[in-house]
Amino acid sequence: MIRGEMSWRPQYRSSKFRNVYGKAASREHCFDGISITKNVHDNHFCAINPKFLAIVTESAGGGSFLVIPLEQTGRIDPLYPKVCGHQGNVLDIKWNPFVDNIVASCSEDTSILIWNLDTGEPVKMIDCHNDVILCMSFNTDGSLFATTCKDKKLRVIEPRSGKVLQEANCKNHKVNRVVVLGNSKRLLTTGMSRWNTRQIALWDQEDLSMPIKEEEIDGLSGLLFPFYDVDTHMLYLAGKGDGNIRYYEISTEKPYLHYLMEYRSPAPQKGMGVMPKHGLDVSICEVFRFYKLVTLKGVIEPISMIVPRRSETYQEDIYPMTPGTEPALTAEEWLSGMNRDPILMSLKEGYKSTNVAFKPPKRDKKSVVVNGIDLLENVPPRTENELLRMFFRQQDEIRRLKEELTQKDVRIRQLELELKNLQNVPKCT
């Protein structure tokens, strides 16, 4: 088992996502005046698509949620639709990613129900868990999902048959949350180590005998919510009760996890929702968007993760073909056992240039470019987040320059030695 270094000790590595930064929406673009649930269960309590935001609210009877059009920012006038579920409280619910009208829900009654919304009826009950189910996550084509449970086991399950394909008894890594990393046959879990530090672990979904890698994050106690972007291979970690969001790149080769940077905010988050990729603003190079639940203020705050680019054209390298809105299978096809990859789409149609007219570059102005950023053109940092981002960028650049200097010193010594050897070679007479 490989033990990783703490995430605040990054090593320099070239990446197009190294300087991704988080930008919180202004107050008028937040959702205000919402009575966010005070339920202590470790969950996100919200779900987002490109048109609506659904949020679990605080109410006397429990089980209520609010659906808000995304255009309706500002102060919200709440209406509370009522929902019902299992024999116990519903703790998590997941859409089958690209199969039409299939939903999985888990409950305090330790069961998972697979629902066909075409008929409004559950079509399968999965009862292989011995305790409360903490989390579940589908893979990309919806052919399997992974679960974590209070019985300290990680499971990979075929949802139509209910068969457990793999099972791990996690003694050293107490698992809380799990996310399936697309169709890479990898899982990532968050939990606590035997030393009660927050920890993440990477697994091979076909062999859960032991983690591929474990990495300690910090000594805080709040649960870590993992979010994975299949298109960019970026992993985001948002701690419950924290104000920060860490982000990494995941690769198929060692060391697998590559720390990038951290978004920081003083406001603690109760849960986080995520906008689907086709709902992002590609004209500002937005690659991920969170909806942060701030219970103390009764506010839902959008946070955009942005790749800093100066180009005025669509950035195809950060927006590959992505799963679109068209379902790959009907509910009946999926229930019959069919599997099919999601139908992909380009996000280029959603690109809107921010330029009114073409402006030729000014060639008489000097520039100092570091990591693609013109230092002479940038204004001084105006917020703590901008200051931290500039600080981390400078630290990365200093580290890179030191490494280059060390390599050049070694090369100079090698050349000096070769020159000395040549001078000591006797001349032919």
Protein backbone atom coordinates (compact mmCIF):
# COMPACT_ATOMS: atom_id res chain seq x y z
CA MET A 1 0.00 0.00 0.00
CA ILE A 2 1.35 3.41 -0.96
CA ARG A 3 1.05 6.21 1.56
CA GLY A 4 0.80 9.66 0.02
CA GLU A 5 2.17 12.96 1.29
CA MET A 6 -0.07 15.59 2.84
CA SER A 7 -1.89 17.54 0.16
CA TRP A 8 -0.28 20.86 1.11
CA ARG A 9 3.10 19.67 -0.19
CA PRO A 10 2.59 19.73 -3.95
CA GLN A 11 5.31 18.82 -6.46
CA TYR A 12 5.68 20.82 -9.66
CA ARG A 13 3.92 19.25 -12.63
CA SER A 14 2.90 20.79 -15.91
CA SER A 15 -0.89 20.90 -16.28
CA LYS A 16 -3.42 23.04 -18.13
CA PHE A 17 -5.52 23.03 -14.95
CA ARG A 18 -2.77 24.07 -12.51
CA ASN A 19 -4.08 27.64 -12.21
CA VAL A 20 -7.80 26.88 -12.04
CA TYR A 21 -9.37 29.26 -9.54
CA GLY A 22 -12.73 29.56 -7.83
CA LYS A 23 -14.93 32.63 -8.24
CA ALA A 24 -17.96 33.10 -5.98
CA ALA A 25 -21.05 34.74 -7.43
CA SER A 26 -21.98 38.25 -6.30
CA ARG A 27 -24.76 38.56 -3.73
CA GLU A 28 -27.42 39.43 -6.31
CA HIS A 29 -26.67 36.16 -8.16
CA CYS A 30 -27.05 34.00 -5.02
CA PHE A 31 -30.29 32.45 -3.74
CA ASP A 32 -31.20 34.21 -0.50
CA GLY A 33 -33.69 33.78 2.31
CA ILE A 34 -33.89 29.97 2.15
CA SER A 35 -34.56 27.96 5.31
CA ILE A 36 -31.95 25.26 4.60
CA THR A 37 -32.51 21.98 6.45
CA LYS A 38 -30.79 21.53 9.80
CA ASN A 39 -30.66 17.75 9.32
CA VAL A 40 -27.29 16.48 10.58
CA HIS A 41 -27.06 13.64 8.07
CA ASP A 42 -23.96 13.86 5.86
CA ASN A 43 -25.48 14.67 2.50
CA HIS A 44 -25.59 17.45 -0.10
CA PHE A 45 -29.30 18.32 0.42
CA CYS A 46 -29.56 19.75 -3.09
CA ALA A 47 -29.53 18.82 -6.77
CA ILE A 48 -29.04 21.00 -9.85
CA ASN A 49 -29.71 20.83 -13.58
CA PRO A 50 -29.37 23.66 -16.15
CA LYS A 51 -32.91 24.92 -15.40
CA PHE A 52 -33.72 24.23 -11.74
CA LEU A 53 -32.22 23.96 -8.27
CA ALA A 54 -33.85 21.60 -5.74
CA ILE A 55 -33.02 22.20 -2.07
CA VAL A 56 -34.08 20.31 1.09
CA THR A 57 -35.62 22.82 3.51
CA GLU A 58 -36.36 22.99 7.22
CA SER A 59 -40.02 22.31 8.01
CA ALA A 60 -42.03 21.00 10.93
CA GLY A 61 -43.12 17.76 9.26
CA GLY A 62 -39.79 17.00 7.54
CA GLY A 63 -39.37 15.64 4.05
CA SER A 64 -39.92 18.94 2.23
CA PHE A 65 -37.89 20.51 -0.55
CA LEU A 66 -37.97 23.62 -2.69
CA VAL A 67 -37.56 23.75 -6.48
CA ILE A 68 -36.22 27.08 -7.78
CA PRO A 69 -35.70 28.22 -11.40
CA LEU A 70 -32.04 29.17 -11.79
CA GLU A 71 -33.00 32.58 -13.21
CA GLN A 72 -34.85 33.39 -9.97
CA THR A 73 -31.87 34.64 -7.98
CA GLY A 74 -32.11 37.00 -5.02
CA ARG A 75 -34.59 36.53 -2.19
CA ILE A 76 -36.78 33.42 -2.61
CA ASP A 77 -40.47 33.13 -1.83
CA PRO A 78 -40.60 29.48 -0.61
CA LEU A 79 -43.15 26.86 -1.62
CA TYR A 80 -42.82 23.39 -0.14
CA PRO A 81 -43.80 20.35 -2.22
CA LYS A 82 -44.03 17.10 -0.24
CA VAL A 83 -42.23 13.86 -1.09
CA CYS A 84 -42.47 10.35 0.34
CA GLY A 85 -40.08 7.39 0.20
CA HIS A 86 -39.09 4.17 1.96
CA GLN A 87 -40.12 2.80 5.33
CA GLY A 88 -37.44 5.06 6.84
CA ASN A 89 -36.04 8.47 5.92
CA VAL A 90 -34.48 8.70 2.46
CA LEU A 91 -30.75 9.45 2.92
CA ASP A 92 -29.48 9.62 -0.67
CA ILE A 93 -30.92 9.61 -4.18
CA LYS A 94 -29.10 9.31 -7.51
CA TRP A 95 -30.24 9.48 -11.12
CA ASN A 96 -28.94 6.73 -13.38
CA PRO A 97 -26.68 9.10 -15.36
CA PHE A 98 -27.82 8.65 -18.98
CA VAL A 99 -30.72 6.22 -18.77
CA ASP A 100 -34.17 7.78 -19.04
CA ASN A 101 -36.26 7.94 -15.83
CA ILE A 102 -34.30 5.46 -13.65
CA VAL A 103 -33.59 6.60 -10.08
CA ALA A 104 -31.97 4.82 -7.13
CA SER A 105 -32.78 5.81 -3.54
CA CYS A 106 -31.37 4.55 -0.24
CA SER A 107 -32.92 4.77 3.18
CA GLU A 108 -32.43 4.33 6.91
CA ASP A 109 -34.22 1.00 6.44
CA THR A 110 -30.88 -0.25 4.88
CA SER A 111 -32.47 -0.89 1.46
CA ILE A 112 -31.91 0.56 -2.00
CA LEU A 113 -34.88 0.94 -4.34
CA ILE A 114 -34.53 1.20 -8.13
CA TRP A 115 -37.43 3.27 -9.49
CA ASN A 116 -38.88 3.43 -13.00
CA LEU A 117 -40.42 6.89 -13.18
CA ASP A 118 -42.27 5.96 -16.37
CA THR A 119 -44.56 3.87 -14.16
CA GLY A 120 -43.88 5.59 -10.82
CA GLU A 121 -43.10 2.23 -9.21
CA PRO A 122 -40.00 0.64 -7.70
CA VAL A 123 -38.74 -2.21 -9.92
CA LYS A 124 -35.99 -3.62 -7.71
CA MET A 125 -35.12 -3.75 -4.01
CA ILE A 126 -31.47 -4.32 -3.06
CA ASP A 127 -31.09 -5.54 0.52
CA CYS A 128 -27.45 -6.65 0.75
CA HIS A 129 -26.47 -4.02 3.34
CA ASN A 130 -26.37 -4.76 7.06
CA ASP A 131 -26.57 -1.15 8.26
CA VAL A 132 -27.43 2.37 7.12
CA ILE A 133 -26.17 3.18 3.61
CA LEU A 134 -24.04 6.32 3.65
CA CYS A 135 -23.51 7.01 -0.05
CA MET A 136 -23.89 5.59 -3.55
CA SER A 137 -22.41 6.50 -6.92
CA PHE A 138 -23.14 5.23 -10.47
CA ASN A 139 -20.50 4.68 -13.13
CA THR A 140 -20.82 6.56 -16.43
CA ASP A 141 -23.08 4.12 -18.31
CA GLY A 142 -25.18 3.20 -15.28
CA SER A 143 -24.26 -0.50 -15.42
CA LEU A 144 -23.06 -0.61 -11.80
CA PHE A 145 -22.79 1.53 -8.69
CA ALA A 146 -20.67 1.62 -5.54
CA THR A 147 -21.91 2.12 -1.98
CA THR A 148 -20.49 2.88 1.45
CA CYS A 149 -22.21 1.68 4.58
CA LYS A 150 -22.05 2.04 8.37
CA ASP A 151 -20.97 -1.61 8.50
CA LYS A 152 -17.55 -0.28 7.27
CA LYS A 153 -17.82 -2.03 3.91
CA LEU A 154 -17.33 -0.73 0.38
CA ARG A 155 -19.41 -2.54 -2.25
CA VAL A 156 -19.67 -2.62 -6.03
CA ILE A 157 -23.17 -3.71 -7.09
CA GLU A 158 -24.94 -4.58 -10.35
CA PRO A 159 -28.18 -2.61 -9.90
CA ARG A 160 -30.56 -4.71 -12.03
CA SER A 161 -29.76 -8.03 -10.37
CA GLY A 162 -28.71 -6.66 -6.97
CA LYS A 163 -25.59 -8.85 -7.11
CA VAL A 164 -22.56 -7.70 -5.11
CA LEU A 165 -19.61 -7.85 -7.54
CA GLN A 166 -16.90 -6.73 -5.10
CA GLU A 167 -16.80 -6.07 -1.38
CA ALA A 168 -14.11 -4.61 0.90
CA ASN A 169 -14.01 -4.61 4.68
CA CYS A 170 -12.35 -1.26 5.35
CA LYS A 171 -10.62 -1.54 8.73
CA ASN A 172 -7.75 0.91 8.28
CA HIS A 173 -9.66 3.41 6.13
CA LYS A 174 -13.10 4.14 7.56
CA VAL A 175 -15.04 4.93 4.37
CA ASN A 176 -17.78 7.57 4.33
CA ARG A 177 -18.27 8.71 0.73
CA VAL A 178 -17.52 7.11 -2.62
CA VAL A 179 -17.41 8.34 -6.20
CA VAL A 180 -16.97 6.11 -9.27
CA LEU A 181 -14.34 7.66 -11.56
CA GLY A 182 -16.30 7.36 -14.79
CA ASN A 183 -15.58 4.14 -16.69
CA SER A 184 -11.93 4.03 -15.61
CA LYS A 185 -12.68 1.03 -13.32
CA ARG A 186 -11.46 3.11 -10.38
CA LEU A 187 -13.24 4.30 -7.25
CA LEU A 188 -12.30 7.06 -4.86
CA THR A 189 -13.44 7.12 -1.26
CA THR A 190 -13.14 9.66 1.53
CA GLY A 191 -13.01 8.72 5.20
CA MET A 192 -10.88 8.63 8.31
CA SER A 193 -7.56 6.89 8.89
CA ARG A 194 -6.68 4.83 11.95
CA TRP A 195 -5.06 8.03 13.33
CA ASN A 196 -8.37 9.93 12.92
CA THR A 197 -7.08 12.12 10.11
CA ARG A 198 -9.18 12.83 7.04
CA GLN A 199 -8.09 10.58 4.22
CA ILE A 200 -8.82 9.69 0.61
CA ALA A 201 -8.23 6.30 -1.00
CA LEU A 202 -8.08 5.12 -4.61
CA TRP A 203 -9.39 1.62 -5.46
CA ASP A 204 -9.51 -0.82 -8.37
CA GLN A 205 -13.23 -1.60 -8.66
CA GLU A 206 -12.44 -5.17 -9.79
CA ASP A 207 -10.17 -5.88 -6.79
CA LEU A 208 -11.07 -4.23 -3.49
CA SER A 209 -8.63 -6.30 -1.43
CA MET A 210 -6.63 -3.15 -0.65
CA PRO A 211 -6.43 0.45 -1.90
CA ILE A 212 -4.16 1.38 -4.78
CA LYS A 213 -3.22 4.53 -2.86
CA GLU A 214 -4.10 6.29 0.37
CA GLU A 215 -3.41 9.93 1.12
CA GLU A 216 -3.95 11.85 4.34
CA ILE A 217 -5.51 15.30 3.93
CA ASP A 218 -5.62 16.97 7.37
CA GLY A 219 -6.64 16.50 10.99
CA LEU A 220 -10.11 18.09 10.80
CA SER A 221 -13.25 16.11 11.60
CA GLY A 222 -15.81 17.22 9.00
CA LEU A 223 -16.72 14.69 6.31
CA LEU A 224 -15.07 15.19 2.89
CA PHE A 225 -17.43 15.28 -0.10
CA PRO A 226 -15.68 14.11 -3.32
CA PHE A 227 -16.70 15.40 -6.77
CA TYR A 228 -15.19 14.08 -10.01
CA ASP A 229 -15.16 15.66 -13.48
CA VAL A 230 -14.83 12.92 -16.11
CA ASP A 231 -13.86 15.40 -18.86
CA THR A 232 -10.94 17.08 -17.06
CA HIS A 233 -10.07 14.16 -14.71
CA MET A 234 -10.22 16.62 -11.85
CA LEU A 235 -11.21 15.66 -8.30
CA TYR A 236 -12.67 18.26 -5.94
CA LEU A 237 -12.81 17.76 -2.14
CA ALA A 238 -15.20 19.93 -0.12
CA GLY A 239 -15.30 19.34 3.64
CA LYS A 240 -18.58 19.65 5.53
CA GLY A 241 -18.21 22.67 7.80
CA ASP A 242 -15.13 23.86 5.90
CA GLY A 243 -14.96 26.95 3.73
CA ASN A 244 -12.37 25.60 1.30
CA ILE A 245 -12.40 23.31 -1.74
CA ARG A 246 -9.24 21.39 -2.67
CA TYR A 247 -8.73 20.13 -6.19
CA TYR A 248 -6.52 17.51 -7.83
CA GLU A 249 -5.88 15.84 -11.14
CA ILE A 250 -6.16 12.05 -11.34
CA SER A 251 -3.88 10.10 -13.69
CA THR A 252 -3.55 6.42 -14.57
CA GLU A 253 0.11 6.31 -13.54
CA LYS A 254 1.85 6.81 -10.20
CA PRO A 255 1.46 8.83 -8.06
CA TYR A 256 -2.16 8.92 -9.42
CA LEU A 257 -3.23 11.99 -7.39
CA HIS A 258 -1.74 15.39 -8.24
CA TYR A 259 -2.61 18.33 -5.99
CA LEU A 260 -3.43 21.53 -7.90
CA MET A 261 -4.73 24.30 -5.66
CA GLU A 262 -7.36 25.31 -3.14
CA TYR A 263 -10.35 27.67 -3.14
CA ARG A 264 -10.86 29.35 0.23
CA SER A 265 -13.84 31.09 1.81
CA PRO A 266 -14.65 32.02 5.44
CA ALA A 267 -18.27 30.79 5.14
CA PRO A 268 -18.69 27.09 6.14
CA GLN A 269 -20.58 24.82 3.73
CA LYS A 270 -23.31 22.39 4.81
CA GLY A 271 -23.57 20.71 1.43
CA MET A 272 -22.75 21.22 -2.23
CA GLY A 273 -24.63 20.81 -5.47
CA VAL A 274 -23.01 20.58 -8.92
CA MET A 275 -24.16 21.92 -12.28
CA PRO A 276 -24.01 19.38 -15.17
CA LYS A 277 -21.33 20.15 -17.74
CA HIS A 278 -23.77 21.32 -20.43
CA GLY A 279 -25.02 24.03 -18.06
CA LEU A 280 -21.63 25.76 -17.70
CA ASP A 281 -20.57 29.10 -19.18
CA VAL A 282 -17.86 28.05 -21.64
CA SER A 283 -17.28 31.67 -22.77
CA ILE A 284 -15.46 32.35 -19.47
CA CYS A 285 -13.67 28.94 -19.47
CA GLU A 286 -15.81 27.63 -16.59
CA VAL A 287 -15.06 23.91 -16.10
CA PHE A 288 -17.07 23.19 -12.93
CA ARG A 289 -19.72 24.97 -10.88
CA PHE A 290 -20.71 24.33 -7.26
CA TYR A 291 -23.82 25.52 -5.44
CA LYS A 292 -22.73 26.00 -1.85
CA LEU A 293 -25.27 25.77 0.99
CA VAL A 294 -24.48 28.35 3.71
CA THR A 295 -26.91 27.56 6.53
CA LEU A 296 -25.97 30.47 8.80
CA LYS A 297 -26.93 32.99 6.11
CA GLY A 298 -29.76 31.02 4.50
CA VAL A 299 -27.94 31.44 1.18
CA ILE A 300 -27.04 29.20 -1.77
CA GLU A 301 -23.86 30.59 -3.34
CA PRO A 302 -22.72 29.56 -6.86
CA ILE A 303 -18.94 29.07 -7.16
CA SER A 304 -17.42 28.82 -10.65
CA MET A 305 -14.12 27.00 -11.24
CA ILE A 306 -12.39 28.80 -14.10
CA VAL A 307 -9.32 28.07 -16.23
CA PRO A 308 -7.54 31.43 -16.76
CA ARG A 309 -7.21 31.93 -20.52
CA ARG A 310 -6.63 35.15 -22.45
CA SER A 311 -7.80 33.77 -25.77
CA GLU A 312 -11.14 34.99 -27.11
CA THR A 313 -11.99 31.72 -28.90
CA TYR A 314 -13.63 28.48 -27.78
CA GLN A 315 -11.11 26.38 -25.81
CA GLU A 316 -11.50 22.89 -27.27
CA ASP A 317 -8.63 21.41 -25.21
CA ILE A 318 -10.54 21.93 -21.94
CA TYR A 319 -13.95 21.01 -23.39
CA PRO A 320 -13.82 17.56 -25.00
CA MET A 321 -16.98 15.90 -26.28
CA THR A 322 -19.13 15.40 -23.20
CA PRO A 323 -22.27 13.42 -22.29
CA GLY A 324 -25.27 15.40 -23.44
CA THR A 325 -28.94 15.65 -22.51
CA GLU A 326 -30.23 12.82 -24.71
CA PRO A 327 -30.62 9.51 -22.81
CA ALA A 328 -28.62 6.59 -24.17
CA LEU A 329 -31.31 4.04 -23.22
CA THR A 330 -34.97 3.97 -22.28
CA ALA A 331 -35.91 2.64 -18.87
CA GLU A 332 -37.23 -0.57 -20.46
CA GLU A 333 -34.02 -1.13 -22.45
CA TRP A 334 -31.85 -0.66 -19.37
CA LEU A 335 -34.03 -2.91 -17.22
CA SER A 336 -33.77 -5.64 -19.88
CA GLY A 337 -29.99 -5.72 -19.36
CA MET A 338 -28.74 -3.43 -22.13
CA ASN A 339 -25.71 -1.17 -21.58
CA ARG A 340 -24.70 1.72 -23.82
CA ASP A 341 -22.20 4.56 -23.56
CA PRO A 342 -23.70 8.04 -23.16
CA ILE A 343 -24.48 10.10 -26.27
CA LEU A 344 -21.84 12.82 -26.51
CA MET A 345 -22.21 16.46 -27.49
CA SER A 346 -19.95 19.44 -28.10
CA LEU A 347 -20.26 22.48 -25.84
CA LYS A 348 -19.13 24.80 -28.64
CA GLU A 349 -22.71 25.75 -29.52
CA GLY A 350 -23.05 27.33 -26.07
CA TYR A 351 -20.02 29.56 -26.60
CA LYS A 352 -20.71 33.28 -26.79
CA SER A 353 -17.79 35.59 -27.43
CA THR A 354 -17.47 38.46 -24.98
CA ASN A 355 -15.91 40.65 -27.70
CA VAL A 356 -18.02 43.28 -29.46
CA ALA A 357 -15.41 43.71 -32.18
CA PHE A 358 -11.94 42.40 -32.92
CA LYS A 359 -9.18 44.33 -31.16
CA PRO A 360 -5.67 43.93 -32.60
CA PRO A 361 -2.94 43.32 -30.02
CA LYS A 362 -0.84 46.23 -28.88
CA ARG A 363 2.72 45.45 -29.94
CA ASP A 364 4.43 48.41 -28.30
CA LYS A 365 3.68 47.26 -24.76
CA LYS A 366 6.19 45.16 -22.83
CA SER A 367 4.99 42.06 -21.04
CA VAL A 368 6.25 39.63 -18.44
CA VAL A 369 4.50 36.29 -18.91
CA VAL A 370 4.61 33.64 -16.16
CA ASN A 371 2.59 30.43 -16.58
CA GLY A 372 0.55 32.15 -19.29
CA ILE A 373 -0.23 35.19 -17.05
CA ASP A 374 0.96 38.68 -18.01
CA LEU A 375 2.17 40.07 -14.70
CA LEU A 376 2.39 43.65 -15.98
CA GLU A 377 -1.17 43.57 -17.24
CA ASN A 378 -2.74 42.21 -14.03
CA VAL A 379 -3.97 44.58 -11.35
CA PRO A 380 -3.02 44.00 -7.68
CA PRO A 381 -5.12 41.38 -5.86
CA ARG A 382 -8.38 42.78 -4.49
CA THR A 383 -9.52 39.84 -2.34
CA GLU A 384 -7.93 37.26 -0.08
CA ASN A 385 -8.71 34.53 -2.61
CA GLU A 386 -6.95 36.44 -5.43
CA LEU A 387 -3.96 37.08 -3.13
CA LEU A 388 -3.71 33.39 -2.23
CA ARG A 389 -3.99 32.36 -5.87
CA MET A 390 -1.19 34.73 -6.84
CA PHE A 391 0.91 33.50 -3.91
CA PHE A 392 0.52 29.82 -4.88
CA ARG A 393 1.25 30.64 -8.52
CA GLN A 394 4.44 32.46 -7.53
CA GLN A 395 5.49 29.60 -5.26
CA ASP A 396 5.02 27.14 -8.12
CA GLU A 397 7.06 29.35 -10.44
CA ILE A 398 9.85 29.76 -7.84
CA ARG A 399 9.92 25.98 -7.32
CA ARG A 400 10.11 25.37 -11.07
CA LEU A 401 12.92 27.90 -11.53
CA LYS A 402 14.87 26.35 -8.65
CA GLU A 403 14.54 22.92 -10.26
CA GLU A 404 15.73 24.31 -13.60
CA LEU A 405 18.67 26.04 -11.87
CA THR A 406 19.65 22.81 -10.10
CA GLN A 407 19.52 20.87 -13.38
CA LYS A 408 21.66 23.52 -15.10
CA ASP A 409 24.21 23.43 -12.23
CA VAL A 410 24.48 19.66 -12.63
CA ARG A 411 24.94 20.05 -16.38
CA ILE A 412 27.63 22.69 -15.87
CA ARG A 413 29.56 20.35 -13.53
CA GLN A 414 29.25 17.54 -16.07
CA LEU A 415 30.62 19.76 -18.84
CA GLU A 416 33.46 20.99 -16.63
CA LEU A 417 34.39 17.39 -15.85
CA GLU A 418 34.30 16.43 -19.54
CA LEU A 419 36.46 19.44 -20.37
CA LYS A 420 38.95 18.50 -17.68
CA ASN A 421 39.12 14.93 -18.95
CA LEU A 422 39.74 16.18 -22.48
CA GLN A 423 42.56 18.41 -21.23
CA ASN A 424 44.21 15.44 -19.49
CA VAL A 425 44.18 13.27 -22.61
CA PRO A 426 47.82 13.06 -23.91
CA LYS A 427 48.38 14.58 -27.35
CA CYS A 428 49.47 12.33 -30.22
CA THR A 429 52.98 13.02 -31.55
